[in-house]
């Protein structure tokens, strides 16, 4: 979660036009609903 937040913030500061944030469990399986929501909320907090 922390890694994704740092990477997403770097992308925004670098001027990205759109963004996808990975879910915390993608290294293990397809994202679960809770993990996907956290990934979405990461973007929304930044925004």
ModelCIF file with pLDDT and N, C-alpha, C, O atoms, coordinates in Angstrom:
data_MODEL
#
_entry.id   MODEL 
#
_entity.id                         1 
_entity.type                       polymer 
_entity.pdbx_number_of_molecules   1 
#
_entity_poly.entity_id                      1 
_entity_poly.type                           'polypeptide(L)' 
_entity_poly.nstd_linkage                   no 
_entity_poly.nstd_monomer                   no 
_entity_poly.pdbx_seq_one_letter_code       
;(UNK)(UNK)(UNK)(UNK)(UNK)(UNK)(UNK)(UNK)(UNK)(UNK)(UNK)(UNK)(UNK)(UNK)(UNK)(UNK)
(UNK)(UNK)(UNK)(UNK)(UNK)(UNK)(UNK)(UNK)(UNK)(UNK)(UNK)(UNK)(UNK)(UNK)(UNK)(UNK)
(UNK)(UNK)(UNK)(UNK)(UNK)(UNK)(UNK)(UNK)(UNK)(UNK)(UNK)(UNK)(UNK)(UNK)(UNK)
;
_entity_poly.pdbx_seq_one_letter_code_can   XXXXXXXXXXXXXXXXXXXXXXXXXXXXXXXXXXXXXXXXXXXXXXX 
_entity_poly.pdbx_strand_id                 A 
#
loop_
_entity_poly_seq.entity_id 
_entity_poly_seq.num 
_entity_poly_seq.mon_id 
_entity_poly_seq.hetero 
1 1  UNK n 
1 2  UNK n 
1 3  UNK n 
1 4  UNK n 
1 5  UNK n 
1 6  UNK n 
1 7  UNK n 
1 8  UNK n 
1 9  UNK n 
1 10 UNK n 
1 11 UNK n 
1 12 UNK n 
1 13 UNK n 
1 14 UNK n 
1 15 UNK n 
1 16 UNK n 
1 17 UNK n 
1 18 UNK n 
1 19 UNK n 
1 20 UNK n 
1 21 UNK n 
1 22 UNK n 
1 23 UNK n 
1 24 UNK n 
1 25 UNK n 
1 26 UNK n 
1 27 UNK n 
1 28 UNK n 
1 29 UNK n 
1 30 UNK n 
1 31 UNK n 
1 32 UNK n 
1 33 UNK n 
1 34 UNK n 
1 35 UNK n 
1 36 UNK n 
1 37 UNK n 
1 38 UNK n 
1 39 UNK n 
1 40 UNK n 
1 41 UNK n 
1 42 UNK n 
1 43 UNK n 
1 44 UNK n 
1 45 UNK n 
1 46 UNK n 
1 47 UNK n 
#
_struct_asym.id          A 
_struct_asym.entity_id   1 
#
loop_
_ma_qa_metric.id 
_ma_qa_metric.mode 
_ma_qa_metric.name 
_ma_qa_metric.software_group_id 
_ma_qa_metric.type 
1 global pLDDT . pLDDT 
2 local  pLDDT . pLDDT 
#
_ma_qa_metric_global.metric_id      1 
_ma_qa_metric_global.metric_value   96.57 
_ma_qa_metric_global.model_id       1 
_ma_qa_metric_global.ordinal_id     1 
#
loop_
_ma_qa_metric_local.label_asym_id 
_ma_qa_metric_local.label_comp_id 
_ma_qa_metric_local.label_seq_id 
_ma_qa_metric_local.metric_id 
_ma_qa_metric_local.metric_value 
_ma_qa_metric_local.model_id 
_ma_qa_metric_local.ordinal_id 
A UNK 1  2 97.00 1 1  
A UNK 2  2 97.00 1 2  
A UNK 3  2 98.00 1 3  
A UNK 4  2 98.00 1 4  
A UNK 5  2 98.00 1 5  
A UNK 6  2 98.00 1 6  
A UNK 7  2 98.00 1 7  
A UNK 8  2 98.00 1 8  
A UNK 9  2 98.00 1 9  
A UNK 10 2 98.00 1 10 
A UNK 11 2 98.00 1 11 
A UNK 12 2 97.00 1 12 
A UNK 13 2 97.00 1 13 
A UNK 14 2 97.00 1 14 
A UNK 15 2 96.00 1 15 
A UNK 16 2 97.00 1 16 
A UNK 17 2 96.00 1 17 
A UNK 18 2 96.00 1 18 
A UNK 19 2 97.00 1 19 
A UNK 20 2 97.00 1 20 
A UNK 21 2 98.00 1 21 
A UNK 22 2 97.00 1 22 
A UNK 23 2 97.00 1 23 
A UNK 24 2 96.00 1 24 
A UNK 25 2 96.00 1 25 
A UNK 26 2 95.00 1 26 
A UNK 27 2 94.00 1 27 
A UNK 28 2 94.00 1 28 
A UNK 29 2 94.00 1 29 
A UNK 30 2 94.00 1 30 
A UNK 31 2 95.00 1 31 
A UNK 32 2 94.00 1 32 
A UNK 33 2 94.00 1 33 
A UNK 34 2 95.00 1 34 
A UNK 35 2 96.00 1 35 
A UNK 36 2 96.00 1 36 
A UNK 37 2 97.00 1 37 
A UNK 38 2 97.00 1 38 
A UNK 39 2 97.00 1 39 
A UNK 40 2 97.00 1 40 
A UNK 41 2 98.00 1 41 
A UNK 42 2 98.00 1 42 
A UNK 43 2 97.00 1 43 
A UNK 44 2 97.00 1 44 
A UNK 45 2 97.00 1 45 
A UNK 46 2 97.00 1 46 
A UNK 47 2 96.00 1 47 
#
loop_
_atom_site.group_PDB 
_atom_site.id 
_atom_site.type_symbol 
_atom_site.label_atom_id 
_atom_site.label_alt_id 
_atom_site.label_comp_id 
_atom_site.label_asym_id 
_atom_site.label_entity_id 
_atom_site.label_seq_id 
_atom_site.pdbx_PDB_ins_code 
_atom_site.Cartn_x 
_atom_site.Cartn_y 
_atom_site.Cartn_z 
_atom_site.occupancy 
_atom_site.B_iso_or_equiv 
_atom_site.pdbx_formal_charge 
_atom_site.auth_seq_id 
_atom_site.auth_comp_id 
_atom_site.auth_asym_id 
_atom_site.auth_atom_id 
_atom_site.pdbx_PDB_model_num 
ATOM 1   N N  . UNK A 1 1  ? 0.844   -1.198  0.000   1.00 97.00 ? 1  UNK A N  1 
ATOM 2   C CA . UNK A 1 1  ? 0.000   0.000   0.000   1.00 97.00 ? 1  UNK A CA 1 
ATOM 3   C C  . UNK A 1 1  ? 0.878   1.246   0.000   1.00 97.00 ? 1  UNK A C  1 
ATOM 4   O O  . UNK A 1 1  ? 0.623   2.203   -0.731  1.00 97.00 ? 1  UNK A O  1 
ATOM 5   N N  . UNK A 1 2  ? 1.912   1.216   0.829   1.00 97.00 ? 2  UNK A N  1 
ATOM 6   C CA . UNK A 1 2  ? 2.824   2.364   0.918   1.00 97.00 ? 2  UNK A CA 1 
ATOM 7   C C  . UNK A 1 2  ? 3.590   2.531   -0.385  1.00 97.00 ? 2  UNK A C  1 
ATOM 8   O O  . UNK A 1 2  ? 3.723   3.641   -0.899  1.00 97.00 ? 2  UNK A O  1 
ATOM 9   N N  . UNK A 1 3  ? 4.089   1.424   -0.912  1.00 98.00 ? 3  UNK A N  1 
ATOM 10  C CA . UNK A 1 3  ? 4.841   1.505   -2.172  1.00 98.00 ? 3  UNK A CA 1 
ATOM 11  C C  . UNK A 1 3  ? 3.978   2.117   -3.277  1.00 98.00 ? 3  UNK A C  1 
ATOM 12  O O  . UNK A 1 3  ? 4.422   3.004   -4.005  1.00 98.00 ? 3  UNK A O  1 
ATOM 13  N N  . UNK A 1 4  ? 2.755   1.638   -3.390  1.00 98.00 ? 4  UNK A N  1 
ATOM 14  C CA . UNK A 1 4  ? 1.862   2.122   -4.434  1.00 98.00 ? 4  UNK A CA 1 
ATOM 15  C C  . UNK A 1 4  ? 1.565   3.612   -4.255  1.00 98.00 ? 4  UNK A C  1 
ATOM 16  O O  . UNK A 1 4  ? 1.509   4.355   -5.236  1.00 98.00 ? 4  UNK A O  1 
ATOM 17  N N  . UNK A 1 5  ? 1.376   4.048   -3.016  1.00 98.00 ? 5  UNK A N  1 
ATOM 18  C CA . UNK A 1 5  ? 1.090   5.463   -2.766  1.00 98.00 ? 5  UNK A CA 1 
ATOM 19  C C  . UNK A 1 5  ? 2.266   6.342   -3.183  1.00 98.00 ? 5  UNK A C  1 
ATOM 20  O O  . UNK A 1 5  ? 2.074   7.392   -3.796  1.00 98.00 ? 5  UNK A O  1 
ATOM 21  N N  . UNK A 1 6  ? 3.486   5.912   -2.850  1.00 98.00 ? 6  UNK A N  1 
ATOM 22  C CA . UNK A 1 6  ? 4.678   6.683   -3.225  1.00 98.00 ? 6  UNK A CA 1 
ATOM 23  C C  . UNK A 1 6  ? 4.816   6.741   -4.744  1.00 98.00 ? 6  UNK A C  1 
ATOM 24  O O  . UNK A 1 6  ? 5.104   7.799   -5.305  1.00 98.00 ? 6  UNK A O  1 
ATOM 25  N N  . UNK A 1 7  ? 4.612   5.612   -5.402  1.00 98.00 ? 7  UNK A N  1 
ATOM 26  C CA . UNK A 1 7  ? 4.743   5.571   -6.858  1.00 98.00 ? 7  UNK A CA 1 
ATOM 27  C C  . UNK A 1 7  ? 3.663   6.413   -7.534  1.00 98.00 ? 7  UNK A C  1 
ATOM 28  O O  . UNK A 1 7  ? 3.936   7.112   -8.509  1.00 98.00 ? 7  UNK A O  1 
ATOM 29  N N  . UNK A 1 8  ? 2.455   6.345   -7.022  1.00 98.00 ? 8  UNK A N  1 
ATOM 30  C CA . UNK A 1 8  ? 1.368   7.141   -7.596  1.00 98.00 ? 8  UNK A CA 1 
ATOM 31  C C  . UNK A 1 8  ? 1.635   8.635   -7.433  1.00 98.00 ? 8  UNK A C  1 
ATOM 32  O O  . UNK A 1 8  ? 1.383   9.419   -8.348  1.00 98.00 ? 8  UNK A O  1 
ATOM 33  N N  . UNK A 1 9  ? 2.143   9.025   -6.272  1.00 98.00 ? 9  UNK A N  1 
ATOM 34  C CA . UNK A 1 9  ? 2.456   10.438  -6.047  1.00 98.00 ? 9  UNK A CA 1 
ATOM 35  C C  . UNK A 1 9  ? 3.553   10.902  -6.992  1.00 98.00 ? 9  UNK A C  1 
ATOM 36  O O  . UNK A 1 9  ? 3.489   12.018  -7.508  1.00 98.00 ? 9  UNK A O  1 
ATOM 37  N N  . UNK A 1 10 ? 4.557   10.065  -7.228  1.00 98.00 ? 10 UNK A N  1 
ATOM 38  C CA . UNK A 1 10 ? 5.613   10.421  -8.170  1.00 98.00 ? 10 UNK A CA 1 
ATOM 39  C C  . UNK A 1 10 ? 5.050   10.636  -9.572  1.00 98.00 ? 10 UNK A C  1 
ATOM 40  O O  . UNK A 1 10 ? 5.457   11.560  -10.276 1.00 98.00 ? 10 UNK A O  1 
ATOM 41  N N  . UNK A 1 11 ? 4.118   9.784   -9.968  1.00 98.00 ? 11 UNK A N  1 
ATOM 42  C CA . UNK A 1 11 ? 3.518   9.919   -11.295 1.00 98.00 ? 11 UNK A CA 1 
ATOM 43  C C  . UNK A 1 11 ? 2.756   11.238  -11.422 1.00 98.00 ? 11 UNK A C  1 
ATOM 44  O O  . UNK A 1 11 ? 2.843   11.914  -12.447 1.00 98.00 ? 11 UNK A O  1 
ATOM 45  N N  . UNK A 1 12 ? 2.010   11.601  -10.374 1.00 97.00 ? 12 UNK A N  1 
ATOM 46  C CA . UNK A 1 12 ? 1.256   12.854  -10.411 1.00 97.00 ? 12 UNK A CA 1 
ATOM 47  C C  . UNK A 1 12 ? 2.204   14.050  -10.454 1.00 97.00 ? 12 UNK A C  1 
ATOM 48  O O  . UNK A 1 12 ? 1.989   14.988  -11.221 1.00 97.00 ? 12 UNK A O  1 
ATOM 49  N N  . UNK A 1 13 ? 3.240   14.018  -9.639  1.00 97.00 ? 13 UNK A N  1 
ATOM 50  C CA . UNK A 1 13 ? 4.203   15.117  -9.632  1.00 97.00 ? 13 UNK A CA 1 
ATOM 51  C C  . UNK A 1 13 ? 4.975   15.198  -10.944 1.00 97.00 ? 13 UNK A C  1 
ATOM 52  O O  . UNK A 1 13 ? 5.463   16.264  -11.321 1.00 97.00 ? 13 UNK A O  1 
ATOM 53  N N  . UNK A 1 14 ? 5.084   14.058  -11.642 1.00 97.00 ? 14 UNK A N  1 
ATOM 54  C CA . UNK A 1 14 ? 5.768   14.050  -12.925 1.00 97.00 ? 14 UNK A CA 1 
ATOM 55  C C  . UNK A 1 14 ? 4.894   14.450  -14.096 1.00 97.00 ? 14 UNK A C  1 
ATOM 56  O O  . UNK A 1 14 ? 5.394   14.619  -15.208 1.00 97.00 ? 14 UNK A O  1 
ATOM 57  N N  . UNK A 1 15 ? 3.571   14.607  -13.866 1.00 96.00 ? 15 UNK A N  1 
ATOM 58  C CA . UNK A 1 15 ? 2.697   15.125  -14.903 1.00 96.00 ? 15 UNK A CA 1 
ATOM 59  C C  . UNK A 1 15 ? 1.844   14.113  -15.620 1.00 96.00 ? 15 UNK A C  1 
ATOM 60  O O  . UNK A 1 15 ? 1.408   14.376  -16.740 1.00 96.00 ? 15 UNK A O  1 
ATOM 61  N N  . UNK A 1 16 ? 1.582   12.952  -15.015 1.00 97.00 ? 16 UNK A N  1 
ATOM 62  C CA . UNK A 1 16 ? 0.768   11.964  -15.701 1.00 97.00 ? 16 UNK A CA 1 
ATOM 63  C C  . UNK A 1 16 ? -0.644  12.478  -15.967 1.00 97.00 ? 16 UNK A C  1 
ATOM 64  O O  . UNK A 1 16 ? -1.180  13.284  -15.206 1.00 97.00 ? 16 UNK A O  1 
ATOM 65  N N  . UNK A 1 17 ? -1.236  11.997  -17.058 1.00 96.00 ? 17 UNK A N  1 
ATOM 66  C CA . UNK A 1 17 ? -2.599  12.400  -17.410 1.00 96.00 ? 17 UNK A CA 1 
ATOM 67  C C  . UNK A 1 17 ? -3.655  11.469  -16.846 1.00 96.00 ? 17 UNK A C  1 
ATOM 68  O O  . UNK A 1 17 ? -4.799  11.877  -16.646 1.00 96.00 ? 17 UNK A O  1 
ATOM 69  N N  . UNK A 1 18 ? -3.287  10.230  -16.588 1.00 96.00 ? 18 UNK A N  1 
ATOM 70  C CA . UNK A 1 18 ? -4.190  9.279   -15.952 1.00 96.00 ? 18 UNK A CA 1 
ATOM 71  C C  . UNK A 1 18 ? -3.352  8.266   -15.195 1.00 96.00 ? 18 UNK A C  1 
ATOM 72  O O  . UNK A 1 18 ? -2.137  8.186   -15.377 1.00 96.00 ? 18 UNK A O  1 
ATOM 73  N N  . UNK A 1 19 ? -4.015  7.492   -14.340 1.00 97.00 ? 19 UNK A N  1 
ATOM 74  C CA . UNK A 1 19 ? -3.251  6.713   -13.366 1.00 97.00 ? 19 UNK A CA 1 
ATOM 75  C C  . UNK A 1 19 ? -3.975  5.424   -13.019 1.00 97.00 ? 19 UNK A C  1 
ATOM 76  O O  . UNK A 1 19 ? -5.199  5.397   -12.894 1.00 97.00 ? 19 UNK A O  1 
ATOM 77  N N  . UNK A 1 20 ? -3.203  4.359   -12.866 1.00 97.00 ? 20 UNK A N  1 
ATOM 78  C CA . UNK A 1 20 ? -3.708  3.098   -12.322 1.00 97.00 ? 20 UNK A CA 1 
ATOM 79  C C  . UNK A 1 20 ? -2.863  2.736   -11.112 1.00 97.00 ? 20 UNK A C  1 
ATOM 80  O O  . UNK A 1 20 ? -1.635  2.723   -11.192 1.00 97.00 ? 20 UNK A O  1 
ATOM 81  N N  . UNK A 1 21 ? -3.509  2.443   -9.999  1.00 98.00 ? 21 UNK A N  1 
ATOM 82  C CA . UNK A 1 21 ? -2.778  2.025   -8.796  1.00 98.00 ? 21 UNK A CA 1 
ATOM 83  C C  . UNK A 1 21 ? -3.005  0.532   -8.569  1.00 98.00 ? 21 UNK A C  1 
ATOM 84  O O  . UNK A 1 21 ? -4.140  0.056   -8.558  1.00 98.00 ? 21 UNK A O  1 
ATOM 85  N N  . UNK A 1 22 ? -1.901  -0.196  -8.390  1.00 97.00 ? 22 UNK A N  1 
ATOM 86  C CA . UNK A 1 22 ? -1.996  -1.635  -8.165  1.00 97.00 ? 22 UNK A CA 1 
ATOM 87  C C  . UNK A 1 22 ? -2.535  -1.932  -6.768  1.00 97.00 ? 22 UNK A C  1 
ATOM 88  O O  . UNK A 1 22 ? -2.370  -1.146  -5.835  1.00 97.00 ? 22 UNK A O  1 
ATOM 89  N N  . UNK A 1 23 ? -3.179  -3.083  -6.654  1.00 97.00 ? 23 UNK A N  1 
ATOM 90  C CA . UNK A 1 23 ? -3.681  -3.531  -5.360  1.00 97.00 ? 23 UNK A CA 1 
ATOM 91  C C  . UNK A 1 23 ? -2.583  -4.271  -4.601  1.00 97.00 ? 23 UNK A C  1 
ATOM 92  O O  . UNK A 1 23 ? -1.666  -4.833  -5.200  1.00 97.00 ? 23 UNK A O  1 
ATOM 93  N N  . UNK A 1 24 ? -2.693  -4.263  -3.267  1.00 96.00 ? 24 UNK A N  1 
ATOM 94  C CA . UNK A 1 24 ? -1.637  -4.830  -2.429  1.00 96.00 ? 24 UNK A CA 1 
ATOM 95  C C  . UNK A 1 24 ? -1.453  -6.323  -2.630  1.00 96.00 ? 24 UNK A C  1 
ATOM 96  O O  . UNK A 1 24 ? -0.371  -6.847  -2.366  1.00 96.00 ? 24 UNK A O  1 
ATOM 97  N N  . UNK A 1 25 ? -2.498  -7.030  -3.098  1.00 96.00 ? 25 UNK A N  1 
ATOM 98  C CA . UNK A 1 25 ? -2.431  -8.486  -3.213  1.00 96.00 ? 25 UNK A CA 1 
ATOM 99  C C  . UNK A 1 25 ? -2.176  -8.971  -4.635  1.00 96.00 ? 25 UNK A C  1 
ATOM 100 O O  . UNK A 1 25 ? -2.252  -10.172 -4.897  1.00 96.00 ? 25 UNK A O  1 
ATOM 101 N N  . UNK A 1 26 ? -1.873  -8.055  -5.561  1.00 95.00 ? 26 UNK A N  1 
ATOM 102 C CA . UNK A 1 26 ? -1.688  -8.462  -6.955  1.00 95.00 ? 26 UNK A CA 1 
ATOM 103 C C  . UNK A 1 26 ? -0.480  -9.359  -7.157  1.00 95.00 ? 26 UNK A C  1 
ATOM 104 O O  . UNK A 1 26 ? -0.411  -10.084 -8.149  1.00 95.00 ? 26 UNK A O  1 
ATOM 105 N N  . UNK A 1 27 ? 0.472   -9.323  -6.236  1.00 94.00 ? 27 UNK A N  1 
ATOM 106 C CA . UNK A 1 27 ? 1.633   -10.190 -6.336  1.00 94.00 ? 27 UNK A CA 1 
ATOM 107 C C  . UNK A 1 27 ? 1.271   -11.639 -6.028  1.00 94.00 ? 27 UNK A C  1 
ATOM 108 O O  . UNK A 1 27 ? 2.036   -12.555 -6.328  1.00 94.00 ? 27 UNK A O  1 
ATOM 109 N N  . UNK A 1 28 ? 0.092   -11.841 -5.425  1.00 94.00 ? 28 UNK A N  1 
ATOM 110 C CA . UNK A 1 28 ? -0.338  -13.175 -5.002  1.00 94.00 ? 28 UNK A CA 1 
ATOM 111 C C  . UNK A 1 28 ? -1.480  -13.729 -5.841  1.00 94.00 ? 28 UNK A C  1 
ATOM 112 O O  . UNK A 1 28 ? -1.558  -14.939 -6.050  1.00 94.00 ? 28 UNK A O  1 
ATOM 113 N N  . UNK A 1 29 ? -2.361  -12.872 -6.322  1.00 94.00 ? 29 UNK A N  1 
ATOM 114 C CA . UNK A 1 29 ? -3.551  -13.332 -7.033  1.00 94.00 ? 29 UNK A CA 1 
ATOM 115 C C  . UNK A 1 29 ? -4.217  -12.122 -7.686  1.00 94.00 ? 29 UNK A C  1 
ATOM 116 O O  . UNK A 1 29 ? -3.730  -10.997 -7.572  1.00 94.00 ? 29 UNK A O  1 
ATOM 117 N N  . UNK A 1 30 ? -5.329  -12.364 -8.367  1.00 94.00 ? 30 UNK A N  1 
ATOM 118 C CA . UNK A 1 30 ? -6.146  -11.243 -8.824  1.00 94.00 ? 30 UNK A CA 1 
ATOM 119 C C  . UNK A 1 30 ? -6.610  -10.444 -7.611  1.00 94.00 ? 30 UNK A C  1 
ATOM 120 O O  . UNK A 1 30 ? -6.839  -11.025 -6.550  1.00 94.00 ? 30 UNK A O  1 
ATOM 121 N N  . UNK A 1 31 ? -6.754  -9.126  -7.740  1.00 95.00 ? 31 UNK A N  1 
ATOM 122 C CA . UNK A 1 31 ? -7.116  -8.315  -6.579  1.00 95.00 ? 31 UNK A CA 1 
ATOM 123 C C  . UNK A 1 31 ? -8.461  -8.701  -5.976  1.00 95.00 ? 31 UNK A C  1 
ATOM 124 O O  . UNK A 1 31 ? -9.434  -8.936  -6.693  1.00 95.00 ? 31 UNK A O  1 
ATOM 125 N N  . UNK A 1 32 ? -8.501  -8.763  -4.664  1.00 94.00 ? 32 UNK A N  1 
ATOM 126 C CA . UNK A 1 32 ? -9.777  -8.896  -3.978  1.00 94.00 ? 32 UNK A CA 1 
ATOM 127 C C  . UNK A 1 32 ? -10.476 -7.545  -3.919  1.00 94.00 ? 32 UNK A C  1 
ATOM 128 O O  . UNK A 1 32 ? -9.863  -6.514  -4.198  1.00 94.00 ? 32 UNK A O  1 
ATOM 129 N N  . UNK A 1 33 ? -11.741 -7.546  -3.560  1.00 94.00 ? 33 UNK A N  1 
ATOM 130 C CA . UNK A 1 33 ? -12.515 -6.297  -3.574  1.00 94.00 ? 33 UNK A CA 1 
ATOM 131 C C  . UNK A 1 33 ? -11.961 -5.273  -2.596  1.00 94.00 ? 33 UNK A C  1 
ATOM 132 O O  . UNK A 1 33 ? -11.866 -4.092  -2.929  1.00 94.00 ? 33 UNK A O  1 
ATOM 133 N N  . UNK A 1 34 ? -11.594 -5.707  -1.391  1.00 95.00 ? 34 UNK A N  1 
ATOM 134 C CA . UNK A 1 34 ? -11.089 -4.766  -0.392  1.00 95.00 ? 34 UNK A CA 1 
ATOM 135 C C  . UNK A 1 34 ? -9.757  -4.159  -0.839  1.00 95.00 ? 34 UNK A C  1 
ATOM 136 O O  . UNK A 1 34 ? -9.529  -2.960  -0.679  1.00 95.00 ? 34 UNK A O  1 
ATOM 137 N N  . UNK A 1 35 ? -8.876  -5.001  -1.405  1.00 96.00 ? 35 UNK A N  1 
ATOM 138 C CA . UNK A 1 35 ? -7.584  -4.497  -1.868  1.00 96.00 ? 35 UNK A CA 1 
ATOM 139 C C  . UNK A 1 35 ? -7.758  -3.546  -3.047  1.00 96.00 ? 35 UNK A C  1 
ATOM 140 O O  . UNK A 1 35 ? -7.056  -2.539  -3.145  1.00 96.00 ? 35 UNK A O  1 
ATOM 141 N N  . UNK A 1 36 ? -8.687  -3.860  -3.938  1.00 96.00 ? 36 UNK A N  1 
ATOM 142 C CA . UNK A 1 36 ? -8.945  -2.977  -5.077  1.00 96.00 ? 36 UNK A CA 1 
ATOM 143 C C  . UNK A 1 36 ? -9.493  -1.633  -4.597  1.00 96.00 ? 36 UNK A C  1 
ATOM 144 O O  . UNK A 1 36 ? -9.151  -0.589  -5.152  1.00 96.00 ? 36 UNK A O  1 
ATOM 145 N N  . UNK A 1 37 ? -10.329 -1.657  -3.585  1.00 97.00 ? 37 UNK A N  1 
ATOM 146 C CA . UNK A 1 37 ? -10.865 -0.410  -3.040  1.00 97.00 ? 37 UNK A CA 1 
ATOM 147 C C  . UNK A 1 37 ? -9.758  0.435   -2.417  1.00 97.00 ? 37 UNK A C  1 
ATOM 148 O O  . UNK A 1 37 ? -9.733  1.653   -2.595  1.00 97.00 ? 37 UNK A O  1 
ATOM 149 N N  . UNK A 1 38 ? -8.846  -0.202  -1.688  1.00 97.00 ? 38 UNK A N  1 
ATOM 150 C CA . UNK A 1 38 ? -7.726  0.535   -1.107  1.00 97.00 ? 38 UNK A CA 1 
ATOM 151 C C  . UNK A 1 38 ? -6.876  1.176   -2.196  1.00 97.00 ? 38 UNK A C  1 
ATOM 152 O O  . UNK A 1 38 ? -6.421  2.309   -2.041  1.00 97.00 ? 38 UNK A O  1 
ATOM 153 N N  . UNK A 1 39 ? -6.657  0.457   -3.297  1.00 97.00 ? 39 UNK A N  1 
ATOM 154 C CA . UNK A 1 39 ? -5.895  1.024   -4.408  1.00 97.00 ? 39 UNK A CA 1 
ATOM 155 C C  . UNK A 1 39 ? -6.603  2.244   -4.986  1.00 97.00 ? 39 UNK A C  1 
ATOM 156 O O  . UNK A 1 39 ? -5.967  3.253   -5.293  1.00 97.00 ? 39 UNK A O  1 
ATOM 157 N N  . UNK A 1 40 ? -7.920  2.147   -5.132  1.00 97.00 ? 40 UNK A N  1 
ATOM 158 C CA . UNK A 1 40 ? -8.693  3.287   -5.626  1.00 97.00 ? 40 UNK A CA 1 
ATOM 159 C C  . UNK A 1 40 ? -8.628  4.449   -4.645  1.00 97.00 ? 40 UNK A C  1 
ATOM 160 O O  . UNK A 1 40 ? -8.420  5.592   -5.053  1.00 97.00 ? 40 UNK A O  1 
ATOM 161 N N  . UNK A 1 41 ? -8.803  4.171   -3.358  1.00 98.00 ? 41 UNK A N  1 
ATOM 162 C CA . UNK A 1 41 ? -8.775  5.235   -2.345  1.00 98.00 ? 41 UNK A CA 1 
ATOM 163 C C  . UNK A 1 41 ? -7.407  5.926   -2.303  1.00 98.00 ? 41 UNK A C  1 
ATOM 164 O O  . UNK A 1 41 ? -7.318  7.110   -1.979  1.00 98.00 ? 41 UNK A O  1 
ATOM 165 N N  . UNK A 1 42 ? -6.341  5.184   -2.631  1.00 98.00 ? 42 UNK A N  1 
ATOM 166 C CA . UNK A 1 42 ? -5.012  5.799   -2.682  1.00 98.00 ? 42 UNK A CA 1 
ATOM 167 C C  . UNK A 1 42 ? -4.996  6.932   -3.696  1.00 98.00 ? 42 UNK A C  1 
ATOM 168 O O  . UNK A 1 42 ? -4.492  8.020   -3.419  1.00 98.00 ? 42 UNK A O  1 
ATOM 169 N N  . UNK A 1 43 ? -5.550  6.669   -4.865  1.00 97.00 ? 43 UNK A N  1 
ATOM 170 C CA . UNK A 1 43 ? -5.644  7.725   -5.879  1.00 97.00 ? 43 UNK A CA 1 
ATOM 171 C C  . UNK A 1 43 ? -6.512  8.876   -5.390  1.00 97.00 ? 43 UNK A C  1 
ATOM 172 O O  . UNK A 1 43 ? -6.175  10.046  -5.572  1.00 97.00 ? 43 UNK A O  1 
ATOM 173 N N  . UNK A 1 44 ? -7.616  8.536   -4.776  1.00 97.00 ? 44 UNK A N  1 
ATOM 174 C CA . UNK A 1 44 ? -8.569  9.574   -4.381  1.00 97.00 ? 44 UNK A CA 1 
ATOM 175 C C  . UNK A 1 44 ? -8.030  10.456  -3.265  1.00 97.00 ? 44 UNK A C  1 
ATOM 176 O O  . UNK A 1 44 ? -8.304  11.656  -3.242  1.00 97.00 ? 44 UNK A O  1 
ATOM 177 N N  . UNK A 1 45 ? -7.269  9.884   -2.342  1.00 97.00 ? 45 UNK A N  1 
ATOM 178 C CA . UNK A 1 45 ? -6.634  10.699  -1.297  1.00 97.00 ? 45 UNK A CA 1 
ATOM 179 C C  . UNK A 1 45 ? -5.641  11.674  -1.931  1.00 97.00 ? 45 UNK A C  1 
ATOM 180 O O  . UNK A 1 45 ? -5.604  12.852  -1.576  1.00 97.00 ? 45 UNK A O  1 
ATOM 181 N N  . UNK A 1 46 ? -4.832  11.170  -2.877  1.00 97.00 ? 46 UNK A N  1 
ATOM 182 C CA . UNK A 1 46 ? -3.883  12.053  -3.563  1.00 97.00 ? 46 UNK A CA 1 
ATOM 183 C C  . UNK A 1 46 ? -4.623  13.172  -4.283  1.00 97.00 ? 46 UNK A C  1 
ATOM 184 O O  . UNK A 1 46 ? -4.206  14.330  -4.239  1.00 97.00 ? 46 UNK A O  1 
ATOM 185 N N  . UNK A 1 47 ? -5.724  12.824  -4.946  1.00 96.00 ? 47 UNK A N  1 
ATOM 186 C CA . UNK A 1 47 ? -6.460  13.801  -5.741  1.00 96.00 ? 47 UNK A CA 1 
ATOM 187 C C  . UNK A 1 47 ? -7.219  14.808  -4.873  1.00 96.00 ? 47 UNK A C  1 
ATOM 188 O O  . UNK A 1 47 ? -7.888  15.696  -5.400  1.00 96.00 ? 47 UNK A O  1 
#
